Amino acid sequence: MAQTGPSSPVAKAAGFLAKGNSFIGAQAVVEMKNDSSVYKTYFGSVCPGLFAWAVPEDEKHVRIGLGDRKTPNALFQQFRKRLGLKK
């Protein structure tokens, strides 16, 4: 099976592993009441280096996530709290 992603041979050859050139993401599907026709993006306030998202999967579940260059897990936990989600 071929390796893919940011540490693959192709990514290395393209220079994607250069310092500060990659984003690391964190996401999860969470149980959360929502309008299944509304997709949300959060710029700046949640994830200063990129953006965060909340994409409905159905009326009871949302895929939330964000990307950052350094600390996606810490920002992700703050984002979960902001949305009123428990750990």
PDB file of N, CA and C in Angstrom:
ATOM      1  N   MET A   1       0.842  -1.173   0.000  1.00  0.00           N
ATOM      2  CA  MET A   1       0.000   0.000   0.000  1.00  0.00           C
ATOM      3  C   MET A   1       0.893   1.244   0.000  1.00  0.00           C
ATOM      4  N   ALA A   2       0.580   2.203  -0.817  1.00  0.00           N
ATOM      5  CA  ALA A   2       1.367   3.435  -0.915  1.00  0.00           C
ATOM      6  C   ALA A   2       1.079   4.364   0.259  1.00  0.00           C
ATOM      7  N   GLN A   3       2.122   5.006   0.725  1.00  0.00           N
ATOM      8  CA  GLN A   3       1.974   5.969   1.822  1.00  0.00           C
ATOM      9  C   GLN A   3       1.464   7.292   1.253  1.00  0.00           C
ATOM     10  N   THR A   4       0.486   7.881   1.927  1.00  0.00           N
ATOM     11  CA  THR A   4      -0.044   9.179   1.515  1.00  0.00           C
ATOM     12  C   THR A   4      -0.006  10.136   2.689  1.00  0.00           C
ATOM     13  N   GLY A   5      -0.291  11.381   2.441  1.00  0.00           N
ATOM     14  CA  GLY A   5      -0.340  12.365   3.517  1.00  0.00           C
ATOM     15  C   GLY A   5       0.897  13.233   3.562  1.00  0.00           C
ATOM     16  N   PRO A   6       1.026  14.039   4.613  1.00  0.00           N
ATOM     17  CA  PRO A   6       2.089  15.031   4.690  1.00  0.00           C
ATOM     18  C   PRO A   6       3.496  14.457   4.813  1.00  0.00           C
ATOM     19  N   SER A   7       3.629  13.194   5.211  1.00  0.00           N
ATOM     20  CA  SER A   7       4.972  12.628   5.328  1.00  0.00           C
ATOM     21  C   SER A   7       5.274  11.614   4.221  1.00  0.00           C
ATOM     22  N   SER A   8       4.466  11.615   3.170  1.00  0.00           N
ATOM     23  CA  SER A   8       4.682  10.687   2.065  1.00  0.00           C
ATOM     24  C   SER A   8       5.877  11.122   1.219  1.00  0.00           C
ATOM     25  N   PRO A   9       6.426  10.221   0.423  1.00  0.00           N
ATOM     26  CA  PRO A   9       7.534  10.588  -0.469  1.00  0.00           C
ATOM     27  C   PRO A   9       7.168  11.733  -1.421  1.00  0.00           C
ATOM     28  N   VAL A  10       5.935  11.748  -1.899  1.00  0.00           N
ATOM     29  CA  VAL A  10       5.509  12.822  -2.806  1.00  0.00           C
ATOM     30  C   VAL A  10       5.496  14.170  -2.079  1.00  0.00           C
ATOM     31  N   ALA A  11       4.975  14.199  -0.857  1.00  0.00           N
ATOM     32  CA  ALA A  11       4.943  15.436  -0.063  1.00  0.00           C
ATOM     33  C   ALA A  11       6.361  15.920   0.220  1.00  0.00           C
ATOM     34  N   LYS A  12       7.267  14.987   0.535  1.00  0.00           N
ATOM     35  CA  LYS A  12       8.663  15.354   0.791  1.00  0.00           C
ATOM     36  C   LYS A  12       9.290  15.946  -0.457  1.00  0.00           C
ATOM     37  N   ALA A  13       9.067  15.306  -1.601  1.00  0.00           N
ATOM     38  CA  ALA A  13       9.638  15.787  -2.863  1.00  0.00           C
ATOM     39  C   ALA A  13       9.099  17.159  -3.246  1.00  0.00           C
ATOM     40  N   ALA A  14       7.846  17.424  -2.882  1.00  0.00           N
ATOM     41  CA  ALA A  14       7.227  18.716  -3.221  1.00  0.00           C
ATOM     42  C   ALA A  14       7.587  19.807  -2.220  1.00  0.00           C
ATOM     43  N   GLY A  15       8.286  19.442  -1.146  1.00  0.00           N
ATOM     44  CA  GLY A  15       8.697  20.432  -0.155  1.00  0.00           C
ATOM     45  C   GLY A  15       7.643  20.767   0.870  1.00  0.00           C
ATOM     46  N   PHE A  16       6.604  19.929   1.005  1.00  0.00           N
ATOM     47  CA  PHE A  16       5.537  20.220   1.955  1.00  0.00           C
ATOM     48  C   PHE A  16       5.973  20.106   3.406  1.00  0.00           C
ATOM     49  N   LEU A  17       7.096  19.453   3.658  1.00  0.00           N
ATOM     50  CA  LEU A  17       7.543  19.295   5.036  1.00  0.00           C
ATOM     51  C   LEU A  17       8.456  20.431   5.478  1.00  0.00           C
ATOM     52  N   ALA A  18       8.618  21.430   4.626  1.00  0.00           N
ATOM     53  CA  ALA A  18       9.425  22.586   5.008  1.00  0.00           C
ATOM     54  C   ALA A  18       8.827  23.224   6.253  1.00  0.00           C
ATOM     55  N   LYS A  19       9.666  23.767   7.100  1.00  0.00           N
ATOM     56  CA  LYS A  19       9.210  24.351   8.364  1.00  0.00           C
ATOM     57  C   LYS A  19       8.088  25.364   8.133  1.00  0.00           C
ATOM     58  N   GLY A  20       6.984  25.156   8.844  1.00  0.00           N
ATOM     59  CA  GLY A  20       5.854  26.091   8.779  1.00  0.00           C
ATOM     60  C   GLY A  20       5.003  25.960   7.541  1.00  0.00           C
ATOM     61  N   ASN A  21       5.205  24.902   6.757  1.00  0.00           N
ATOM     62  CA  ASN A  21       4.494  24.765   5.493  1.00  0.00           C
ATOM     63  C   ASN A  21       3.282  23.839   5.585  1.00  0.00           C
ATOM     64  N   SER A  22       3.082  23.185   6.713  1.00  0.00           N
ATOM     65  CA  SER A  22       1.999  22.213   6.848  1.00  0.00           C
ATOM     66  C   SER A  22       1.034  22.604   7.965  1.00  0.00           C
ATOM     67  N   PHE A  23      -0.197  22.150   7.817  1.00  0.00           N
ATOM     68  CA  PHE A  23      -1.205  22.299   8.856  1.00  0.00           C
ATOM     69  C   PHE A  23      -1.521  20.924   9.410  1.00  0.00           C
ATOM     70  N   ILE A  24      -1.843  20.860  10.686  1.00  0.00           N
ATOM     71  CA  ILE A  24      -2.246  19.629  11.339  1.00  0.00           C
ATOM     72  C   ILE A  24      -3.705  19.804  11.726  1.00  0.00           C
ATOM     73  N   GLY A  25      -4.515  18.797  11.472  1.00  0.00           N
ATOM     74  CA  GLY A  25      -5.929  18.918  11.764  1.00  0.00           C
ATOM     75  C   GLY A  25      -6.385  18.030  12.893  1.00  0.00           C
ATOM     76  N   ALA A  26      -7.511  18.397  13.475  1.00  0.00           N
ATOM     77  CA  ALA A  26      -8.192  17.592  14.483  1.00  0.00           C
ATOM     78  C   ALA A  26      -9.678  17.687  14.178  1.00  0.00           C
ATOM     79  N   GLN A  27     -10.361  16.532  14.169  1.00  0.00           N
ATOM     80  CA  GLN A  27     -11.799  16.561  13.933  1.00  0.00           C
ATOM     81  C   GLN A  27     -12.459  15.355  14.563  1.00  0.00           C
ATOM     82  N   ALA A  28     -13.758  15.465  14.744  1.00  0.00           N
ATOM     83  CA  ALA A  28     -14.540  14.377  15.326  1.00  0.00           C
ATOM     84  C   ALA A  28     -15.997  14.547  14.927  1.00  0.00           C
ATOM     85  N   VAL A  29     -16.706  13.451  14.914  1.00  0.00           N
ATOM     86  CA  VAL A  29     -18.159  13.504  14.744  1.00  0.00           C
ATOM     87  C   VAL A  29     -18.743  13.487  16.147  1.00  0.00           C
ATOM     88  N   VAL A  30     -19.554  14.495  16.447  1.00  0.00           N
ATOM     89  CA  VAL A  30     -20.125  14.631  17.782  1.00  0.00           C
ATOM     90  C   VAL A  30     -21.649  14.641  17.710  1.00  0.00           C
ATOM     91  N   GLU A  31     -22.266  14.231  18.808  1.00  0.00           N
ATOM     92  CA  GLU A  31     -23.717  14.289  18.891  1.00  0.00           C
ATOM     93  C   GLU A  31     -24.087  15.704  19.299  1.00  0.00           C
ATOM     94  N   MET A  32     -24.852  16.363  18.447  1.00  0.00           N
ATOM     95  CA  MET A  32     -25.209  17.755  18.685  1.00  0.00           C
ATOM     96  C   MET A  32     -26.430  18.090  17.841  1.00  0.00           C
ATOM     97  N   LYS A  33     -27.451  18.627  18.469  1.00  0.00           N
ATOM     98  CA  LYS A  33     -28.642  19.040  17.725  1.00  0.00           C
ATOM     99  C   LYS A  33     -28.254  20.166  16.785  1.00  0.00           C
ATOM    100  N   ASN A  34     -28.732  20.108  15.542  1.00  0.00           N
ATOM    101  CA  ASN A  34     -28.341  21.110  14.555  1.00  0.00           C
ATOM    102  C   ASN A  34     -29.329  21.172  13.413  1.00  0.00           C
ATOM    103  N   ASP A  35     -29.200  22.179  12.607  1.00  0.00           N
ATOM    104  CA  ASP A  35     -29.946  22.295  11.363  1.00  0.00           C
ATOM    105  C   ASP A  35     -29.089  21.618  10.302  1.00  0.00           C
ATOM    106  N   SER A  36     -29.528  20.504   9.769  1.00  0.00           N
ATOM    107  CA  SER A  36     -28.708  19.715   8.852  1.00  0.00           C
ATOM    108  C   SER A  36     -28.435  20.400   7.513  1.00  0.00           C
ATOM    109  N   SER A  37     -29.007  21.568   7.292  1.00  0.00           N
ATOM    110  CA  SER A  37     -28.749  22.285   6.039  1.00  0.00           C
ATOM    111  C   SER A  37     -27.761  23.446   6.226  1.00  0.00           C
ATOM    112  N   VAL A  38     -27.239  23.619   7.454  1.00  0.00           N
ATOM    113  CA  VAL A  38     -26.352  24.748   7.740  1.00  0.00           C
ATOM    114  C   VAL A  38     -24.933  24.265   8.031  1.00  0.00           C
ATOM    115  N   TYR A  39     -23.997  24.707   7.209  1.00  0.00           N
ATOM    116  CA  TYR A  39     -22.569  24.429   7.408  1.00  0.00           C
ATOM    117  C   TYR A  39     -21.951  25.691   7.990  1.00  0.00           C
ATOM    118  N   LYS A  40     -21.114  25.548   9.020  1.00  0.00           N
ATOM    119  CA  LYS A  40     -20.536  26.722   9.659  1.00  0.00           C
ATOM    120  C   LYS A  40     -19.011  26.689   9.556  1.00  0.00           C
ATOM    121  N   THR A  41     -18.438  27.866   9.339  1.00  0.00           N
ATOM    122  CA  THR A  41     -16.990  28.025   9.393  1.00  0.00           C
ATOM    123  C   THR A  41     -16.684  29.152  10.366  1.00  0.00           C
ATOM    124  N   TYR A  42     -15.572  29.014  11.066  1.00  0.00           N
ATOM    125  CA  TYR A  42     -15.165  29.973  12.085  1.00  0.00           C
ATOM    126  C   TYR A  42     -13.765  30.452  11.733  1.00  0.00           C
ATOM    127  N   PHE A  43     -13.627  31.731  11.439  1.00  0.00           N
ATOM    128  CA  PHE A  43     -12.344  32.307  11.062  1.00  0.00           C
ATOM    129  C   PHE A  43     -11.798  33.165  12.193  1.00  0.00           C
ATOM    130  N   GLY A  44     -10.524  33.008  12.504  1.00  0.00           N
ATOM    131  CA  GLY A  44      -9.856  33.889  13.461  1.00  0.00           C
ATOM    132  C   GLY A  44     -10.131  33.619  14.914  1.00  0.00           C
ATOM    133  N   SER A  45     -11.362  33.724  15.340  1.00  0.00           N
ATOM    134  CA  SER A  45     -11.662  33.657  16.768  1.00  0.00           C
ATOM    135  C   SER A  45     -11.430  32.269  17.373  1.00  0.00           C
ATOM    136  N   VAL A  46     -11.632  31.234  16.630  1.00  0.00           N
ATOM    137  CA  VAL A  46     -11.471  29.869  17.123  1.00  0.00           C
ATOM    138  C   VAL A  46     -10.092  29.327  16.792  1.00  0.00           C
ATOM    139  N   CYS A  47      -9.658  29.580  15.584  1.00  0.00           N
ATOM    140  CA  CYS A  47      -8.407  29.015  15.085  1.00  0.00           C
ATOM    141  C   CYS A  47      -7.641  30.117  14.358  1.00  0.00           C
ATOM    142  N   PRO A  48      -6.809  30.861  15.065  1.00  0.00           N
ATOM    143  CA  PRO A  48      -6.151  32.039  14.498  1.00  0.00           C
ATOM    144  C   PRO A  48      -5.357  31.796  13.214  1.00  0.00           C
ATOM    145  N   GLY A  49      -4.777  30.602  13.057  1.00  0.00           N
ATOM    146  CA  GLY A  49      -3.933  30.346  11.895  1.00  0.00           C
ATOM    147  C   GLY A  49      -4.666  29.852  10.664  1.00  0.00           C
ATOM    148  N   LEU A  50      -5.889  29.385  10.806  1.00  0.00           N
ATOM    149  CA  LEU A  50      -6.618  28.840   9.660  1.00  0.00           C
ATOM    150  C   LEU A  50      -8.118  29.042   9.896  1.00  0.00           C
ATOM    151  N   PHE A  51      -8.882  27.975  10.053  1.00  0.00           N
ATOM    152  CA  PHE A  51     -10.305  28.081  10.352  1.00  0.00           C
ATOM    153  C   PHE A  51     -10.793  26.786  10.970  1.00  0.00           C
ATOM    154  N   ALA A  52     -11.969  26.843  11.555  1.00  0.00           N
ATOM    155  CA  ALA A  52     -12.625  25.671  12.119  1.00  0.00           C
ATOM    156  C   ALA A  52     -13.934  25.459  11.365  1.00  0.00           C
ATOM    157  N   TRP A  53     -14.495  24.264  11.475  1.00  0.00           N
ATOM    158  CA  TRP A  53     -15.729  23.963  10.749  1.00  0.00           C
ATOM    159  C   TRP A  53     -16.670  23.131  11.596  1.00  0.00           C
ATOM    160  N   ALA A  54     -17.934  23.218  11.233  1.00  0.00           N
ATOM    161  CA  ALA A  54     -18.990  22.375  11.799  1.00  0.00           C
ATOM    162  C   ALA A  54     -19.899  21.997  10.638  1.00  0.00           C
ATOM    163  N   VAL A  55     -19.828  20.730  10.241  1.00  0.00           N
ATOM    164  CA  VAL A  55     -20.563  20.246   9.074  1.00  0.00           C
ATOM    165  C   VAL A  55     -21.551  19.174   9.542  1.00  0.00           C
ATOM    166  N   PRO A  56     -22.840  19.409   9.341  1.00  0.00           N
ATOM    167  CA  PRO A  56     -23.824  18.427   9.795  1.00  0.00           C
ATOM    168  C   PRO A  56     -23.745  17.128   8.999  1.00  0.00           C
ATOM    169  N   GLU A  57     -23.879  16.013   9.716  1.00  0.00           N
ATOM    170  CA  GLU A  57     -23.965  14.705   9.058  1.00  0.00           C
ATOM    171  C   GLU A  57     -25.428  14.272   8.987  1.00  0.00           C
ATOM    172  N   ASP A  58     -26.186  14.663   9.989  1.00  0.00           N
ATOM    173  CA  ASP A  58     -27.632  14.476  10.025  1.00  0.00           C
ATOM    174  C   ASP A  58     -28.170  15.420  11.105  1.00  0.00           C
ATOM    175  N   GLU A  59     -29.426  15.264  11.510  1.00  0.00           N
ATOM    176  CA  GLU A  59     -30.015  16.190  12.480  1.00  0.00           C
ATOM    177  C   GLU A  59     -29.434  16.055  13.887  1.00  0.00           C
ATOM    178  N   LYS A  60     -28.727  14.974  14.159  1.00  0.00           N
ATOM    179  CA  LYS A  60     -28.210  14.719  15.501  1.00  0.00           C
ATOM    180  C   LYS A  60     -26.679  14.685  15.590  1.00  0.00           C
ATOM    181  N   HIS A  61     -25.990  14.725  14.463  1.00  0.00           N
ATOM    182  CA  HIS A  61     -24.534  14.595  14.464  1.00  0.00           C
ATOM    183  C   HIS A  61     -23.869  15.646  13.581  1.00  0.00           C
ATOM    184  N   VAL A  62     -22.750  16.172  14.095  1.00  0.00           N
ATOM    185  CA  VAL A  62     -21.995  17.204  13.374  1.00  0.00           C
ATOM    186  C   VAL A  62     -20.523  16.804  13.359  1.00  0.00           C
ATOM    187  N   ARG A  63     -19.878  16.981  12.213  1.00  0.00           N
ATOM    188  CA  ARG A  63     -18.432  16.779  12.112  1.00  0.00           C
ATOM    189  C   ARG A  63     -17.786  18.138  12.385  1.00  0.00           C
ATOM    190  N   ILE A  64     -17.065  18.223  13.506  1.00  0.00           N
ATOM    191  CA  ILE A  64     -16.387  19.475  13.848  1.00  0.00           C
ATOM    192  C   ILE A  64     -14.886  19.266  13.700  1.00  0.00           C
ATOM    193  N   GLY A  65     -14.195  20.333  13.367  1.00  0.00           N
ATOM    194  CA  GLY A  65     -12.746  20.212  13.234  1.00  0.00           C
ATOM    195  C   GLY A  65     -12.091  21.555  13.000  1.00  0.00           C
ATOM    196  N   LEU A  66     -10.752  21.518  12.975  1.00  0.00           N
ATOM    197  CA  LEU A  66      -9.961  22.709  12.699  1.00  0.00           C
ATOM    198  C   LEU A  66      -8.564  22.296  12.293  1.00  0.00           C
ATOM    199  N   GLY A  67      -7.821  23.250  11.780  1.00  0.00           N
ATOM    200  CA  GLY A  67      -6.433  23.019  11.400  1.00  0.00           C
ATOM    201  C   GLY A  67      -5.554  24.114  11.976  1.00  0.00           C
ATOM    202  N   ASP A  68      -4.333  23.738  12.337  1.00  0.00           N
ATOM    203  CA  ASP A  68      -3.389  24.699  12.916  1.00  0.00           C
ATOM    204  C   ASP A  68      -1.974  24.227  12.611  1.00  0.00           C
ATOM    205  N   ARG A  69      -1.032  25.125  12.677  1.00  0.00           N
ATOM    206  CA  ARG A  69       0.359  24.761  12.426  1.00  0.00           C
ATOM    207  C   ARG A  69       1.042  24.149  13.637  1.00  0.00           C
ATOM    208  N   LYS A  70       0.551  24.444  14.858  1.00  0.00           N
ATOM    209  CA  LYS A  70       1.267  23.996  16.052  1.00  0.00           C
ATOM    210  C   LYS A  70       0.428  23.229  17.058  1.00  0.00           C
ATOM    211  N   THR A  71      -0.726  23.751  17.456  1.00  0.00           N
ATOM    212  CA  THR A  71      -1.458  23.182  18.593  1.00  0.00           C
ATOM    213  C   THR A  71      -2.918  22.859  18.276  1.00  0.00           C
ATOM    214  N   PRO A  72      -3.186  21.988  17.312  1.00  0.00           N
ATOM    215  CA  PRO A  72      -4.590  21.731  16.984  1.00  0.00           C
ATOM    216  C   PRO A  72      -5.367  21.089  18.123  1.00  0.00           C
ATOM    217  N   ASN A  73      -4.738  20.232  18.916  1.00  0.00           N
ATOM    218  CA  ASN A  73      -5.491  19.555  19.987  1.00  0.00           C
ATOM    219  C   ASN A  73      -5.966  20.527  21.049  1.00  0.00           C
ATOM    220  N   ALA A  74      -5.118  21.452  21.459  1.00  0.00           N
ATOM    221  CA  ALA A  74      -5.522  22.447  22.463  1.00  0.00           C
ATOM    222  C   ALA A  74      -6.636  23.334  21.914  1.00  0.00           C
ATOM    223  N   LEU A  75      -6.487  23.793  20.676  1.00  0.00           N
ATOM    224  CA  LEU A  75      -7.527  24.629  20.060  1.00  0.00           C
ATOM    225  C   LEU A  75      -8.824  23.847  19.882  1.00  0.00           C
ATOM    226  N   PHE A  76      -8.696  22.567  19.544  1.00  0.00           N
ATOM    227  CA  PHE A  76      -9.874  21.727  19.346  1.00  0.00           C
ATOM    228  C   PHE A  76     -10.663  21.584  20.647  1.00  0.00           C
ATOM    229  N   GLN A  77      -9.970  21.405  21.761  1.00  0.00           N
ATOM    230  CA  GLN A  77     -10.653  21.302  23.055  1.00  0.00           C
ATOM    231  C   GLN A  77     -11.367  22.614  23.400  1.00  0.00           C
ATOM    232  N   GLN A  78     -10.734  23.741  23.102  1.00  0.00           N
ATOM    233  CA  GLN A  78     -11.370  25.047  23.330  1.00  0.00           C
ATOM    234  C   GLN A  78     -12.603  25.200  22.440  1.00  0.00           C
ATOM    235  N   PHE A  79     -12.506  24.731  21.203  1.00  0.00           N
ATOM    236  CA  PHE A  79     -13.621  24.792  20.258  1.00  0.00           C
ATOM    237  C   PHE A  79     -14.785  23.946  20.769  1.00  0.00           C
ATOM    238  N   ARG A  80     -14.498  22.755  21.266  1.00  0.00           N
ATOM    239  CA  ARG A  80     -15.546  21.892  21.830  1.00  0.00           C
ATOM    240  C   ARG A  80     -16.269  22.596  22.978  1.00  0.00           C
ATOM    241  N   LYS A  81     -15.507  23.246  23.842  1.00  0.00           N
ATOM    242  CA  LYS A  81     -16.105  23.983  24.962  1.00  0.00           C
ATOM    243  C   LYS A  81     -16.978  25.118  24.451  1.00  0.00           C
ATOM    244  N   ARG A  82     -16.480  25.827  23.449  1.00  0.00           N
ATOM    245  CA  ARG A  82     -17.246  26.946  22.874  1.00  0.00           C
ATOM    246  C   ARG A  82     -18.582  26.477  22.329  1.00  0.00           C
ATOM    247  N   LEU A  83     -18.615  25.263  21.784  1.00  0.00           N
ATOM    248  CA  LEU A  83     -19.861  24.704  21.239  1.00  0.00           C
ATOM    249  C   LEU A  83     -20.731  24.072  22.318  1.00  0.00           C
ATOM    250  N   GLY A  84     -20.241  24.080  23.554  1.00  0.00           N
ATOM    251  CA  GLY A  84     -21.018  23.517  24.658  1.00  0.00           C
ATOM    252  C   GLY A  84     -20.948  22.003  24.747  1.00  0.00           C
ATOM    253  N   LEU A  85     -19.890  21.412  24.194  1.00  0.00           N
ATOM    254  CA  LEU A  85     -19.741  19.962  24.210  1.00  0.00           C
ATOM    255  C   LEU A  85     -18.907  19.518  25.401  1.00  0.00           C
ATOM    256  N   LYS A  86     -19.264  18.387  25.961  1.00  0.00           N
ATOM    257  CA  LYS A  86     -18.473  17.818  27.058  1.00  0.00           C
ATOM    258  C   LYS A  86     -17.311  17.057  26.446  1.00  0.00           C
ATOM    259  N   LYS A  87     -16.309  16.769  27.266  1.00  0.00           N
ATOM    260  CA  LYS A  87     -15.134  16.022  26.763  1.00  0.00           C
ATOM    261  C   LYS A  87     -15.473  14.677  26.253  1.00  0.00           C
TER     262      LYS A  87
END
